[in-house]
Protein backbone atom coordinates (compact mmCIF):
# COMPACT_ATOMS: atom_id res chain seq x y z
CA MET A 1 0.00 0.00 0.00
CA ALA A 2 1.49 3.33 -1.05
CA ASP A 3 1.50 6.29 1.25
CA GLY A 4 -0.51 9.21 -0.04
CA THR A 5 0.32 12.85 0.21
CA PRO A 6 -0.83 14.19 3.57
CA VAL A 7 -3.59 16.75 3.33
CA LYS A 8 -3.48 19.64 5.73
CA LEU A 9 -6.91 20.93 6.68
CA ASN A 10 -6.87 24.43 8.09
CA SER A 11 -9.73 25.66 10.19
CA TYR A 12 -10.24 29.23 11.18
CA GLY A 13 -12.64 31.33 13.18
CA PHE A 14 -13.65 34.83 14.14
CA ASP A 15 -15.45 36.59 16.94
CA PHE A 16 -17.18 39.82 17.86
CA THR A 17 -19.03 41.28 20.83
CA LYS A 18 -22.74 42.12 21.09
CA THR A 19 -23.34 45.45 22.87
CA ASP A 20 -25.98 48.07 23.48
CA ALA A 21 -25.62 51.62 22.12
CA ASP A 22 -23.49 52.56 25.16
CA GLY A 23 -21.03 49.68 24.66
CA ASN A 24 -22.31 47.40 27.44
CA ALA A 25 -22.25 43.66 26.67
CA LEU A 26 -25.64 42.10 25.85
CA ALA A 27 -26.77 38.57 26.62
CA GLY A 28 -29.52 36.69 24.82
CA ALA A 29 -28.86 37.68 21.20
CA GLU A 30 -28.77 34.85 18.66
CA PHE A 31 -26.66 34.82 15.51
CA THR A 32 -26.63 32.34 12.63
CA ILE A 33 -23.92 31.72 10.10
CA SER A 34 -24.34 30.41 6.58
CA GLY A 35 -22.09 29.90 3.61
CA ASP A 36 -21.03 27.45 0.93
CA ASN A 37 -18.53 25.75 3.26
CA ILE A 38 -21.04 25.03 6.03
CA ASP A 39 -22.86 21.73 5.95
CA ALA A 40 -25.99 20.66 7.81
CA ASP A 41 -23.92 18.96 10.54
CA TYR A 42 -22.11 22.14 11.61
CA LYS A 43 -23.24 22.33 15.22
CA ASP A 44 -22.14 25.93 15.86
CA SER A 45 -24.37 27.48 13.18
CA VAL A 46 -26.43 29.24 15.90
CA VAL A 47 -24.65 31.07 18.73
CA THR A 48 -26.38 32.76 21.69
CA THR A 49 -24.49 35.51 23.53
CA GLY A 50 -23.75 35.08 27.21
CA THR A 51 -23.28 37.83 29.78
CA ASP A 52 -19.96 38.83 28.16
CA GLY A 53 -21.72 39.42 24.80
CA LYS A 54 -19.13 37.32 22.93
CA VAL A 55 -19.98 35.56 19.68
CA SER A 56 -17.43 33.07 18.29
CA PHE A 57 -17.62 30.97 15.18
CA THR A 58 -14.87 28.35 14.93
CA ARG A 59 -13.79 25.40 12.80
CA LEU A 60 -14.44 27.24 9.54
CA ALA A 61 -12.71 26.71 6.21
CA ALA A 62 -11.54 29.64 4.11
CA GLY A 63 -14.52 31.23 2.36
CA THR A 64 -17.22 33.86 2.63
CA TYR A 65 -19.90 33.57 5.28
CA THR A 66 -23.07 35.50 6.07
CA VAL A 67 -23.75 36.28 9.73
CA LYS A 68 -27.26 37.38 10.74
CA GLU A 69 -28.74 38.32 14.06
CA THR A 70 -31.90 36.21 14.32
CA LYS A 71 -32.98 37.00 17.87
CA VAL A 72 -32.68 40.47 19.38
CA PRO A 73 -32.50 40.73 23.19
CA GLU A 74 -35.71 41.80 24.95
CA GLY A 75 -36.16 45.58 25.15
CA TYR A 76 -34.37 46.41 21.88
CA LEU A 77 -35.73 47.18 18.40
CA GLN A 78 -36.84 43.80 17.09
CA ASN A 79 -36.94 44.75 13.41
CA VAL A 80 -33.34 46.05 13.28
CA GLN A 81 -31.29 42.89 12.80
CA PRO A 82 -27.78 43.34 11.46
CA GLU A 83 -26.58 41.06 8.66
CA PHE A 84 -23.04 41.13 7.28
CA THR A 85 -20.46 39.02 5.49
CA VAL A 86 -17.18 37.72 6.83
CA THR A 87 -14.46 36.52 4.48
CA ILE A 88 -11.64 34.24 5.58
CA ASP A 89 -8.80 33.92 3.08
CA ALA A 90 -6.51 30.90 2.63
CA ASP A 91 -4.04 32.34 5.15
CA GLY A 92 -6.73 32.76 7.81
CA ASN A 93 -7.03 36.53 7.48
CA VAL A 94 -10.54 37.68 8.42
CA THR A 95 -12.32 40.59 6.72
CA PHE A 96 -15.67 41.84 7.99
CA GLY A 97 -18.13 43.41 5.55
CA THR A 98 -20.69 46.04 6.52
CA ASP A 99 -24.33 45.88 7.52
CA ALA A 100 -27.07 48.14 6.18
CA TRP A 101 -27.84 49.62 9.61
CA GLY A 102 -24.26 50.60 10.44
CA LEU A 103 -24.37 48.57 13.67
CA LEU A 104 -21.24 46.51 12.96
CA GLN A 105 -18.32 48.63 14.08
CA LYS A 106 -14.57 48.18 14.29
CA GLY A 107 -13.00 49.43 17.50
CA ASP A 108 -9.63 51.06 18.04
CA ASP A 109 -8.23 47.68 19.09
CA ASP A 110 -9.38 46.10 15.76
CA ALA A 111 -12.09 44.16 17.61
CA TYR A 112 -15.59 44.23 16.15
CA THR A 113 -18.84 44.93 17.95
CA VAL A 114 -22.44 44.59 16.83
CA LYS A 115 -24.79 47.00 18.56
CA ASN A 116 -28.47 46.83 19.42
CA VAL A 117 -30.54 49.96 19.82
CA LYS A 118 -33.74 50.71 21.71
CA SER A 119 -35.02 53.39 19.32
CA VAL A 120 -34.44 54.63 15.79
CA THR A 121 -32.74 57.75 17.14
CA GLN A 122 -29.84 55.59 18.39
CA LEU A 123 -29.05 54.31 14.88
CA PRO A 124 -25.88 55.70 13.31
CA LEU A 125 -26.65 58.35 10.70
CA THR A 126 -24.84 56.44 7.99
CA GLY A 127 -25.92 53.85 5.48
CA ALA A 128 -29.59 52.93 5.31
CA ALA A 129 -30.55 54.63 8.56
CA GLY A 130 -29.06 57.96 7.48
CA ILE A 131 -30.73 57.76 4.08
CA ILE A 132 -34.09 56.95 5.65
CA MET A 133 -33.82 59.97 7.95
CA LEU A 134 -32.94 62.22 5.00
CA VAL A 135 -35.85 60.91 2.93
CA VAL A 136 -38.28 61.48 5.81
CA MET A 137 -37.01 65.03 6.26
CA ALA A 138 -37.28 65.70 2.51
CA LEU A 139 -40.87 64.42 2.47
CA LEU A 140 -41.80 66.60 5.43
CA LEU A 141 -40.27 69.68 3.80
CA GLY A 142 -41.96 68.86 0.49
CA GLY A 143 -45.31 68.45 2.26
CA ALA A 144 -44.86 71.78 4.05
CA ALA A 145 -44.01 73.51 0.75
CA ALA A 146 -47.10 72.03 -0.95
CA LEU A 147 -49.32 73.14 1.95
CA ILE A 148 -47.93 76.68 1.77
CA ALA A 149 -48.50 76.79 -2.02
CA VAL A 150 -52.13 75.63 -1.68
CA ARG A 151 -52.84 78.10 1.13
CA SER A 152 -51.20 80.91 -0.85
CA ASN A 153 -53.32 80.20 -3.94
CA SER A 154 -56.43 80.02 -1.77
CA LEU A 155 -55.62 83.39 -0.17
CA LYS A 156 -55.02 84.98 -3.61
CA ARG A 157 -58.43 83.77 -4.84
CA GLN A 158 -60.13 85.17 -1.75
CA LEU A 159 -58.47 88.56 -2.22
CA ARG A 160 -59.48 88.73 -5.91
CA GLY A 161 -63.07 87.70 -5.17
């Protein structure tokens, strides 16, 4: 029997911390991970944060993964659930993508946090949240301008009549 060439299987991982808007660790959040390199038997595909707020995904091959918060802790906006990609290259270097809400943030120490907020006013004014706020303001200003135009025309008709 001939000896084959040994195959080296590398496994990697990444982590981040779940916090509130003030940076305090949050327990009870659930995150799922999906990607082409994850099979149905991967037992760490759902992670629930403990009191330290830590989320760790381990034993991953190089590839691109999607991480999604599927359960928001009680008392926080339930419909604001961050979703972002994480890419692990063949050397094990990890690159985090961005989420539409701007809640995934890189700290000064290169550690990542994912925040939960209690109200829309706590959302960062970047990305989707900033655009939504600008659109709402534009609609309010447009509505006010239309109301002034209608009232002005009405007043002109009254003065002519």
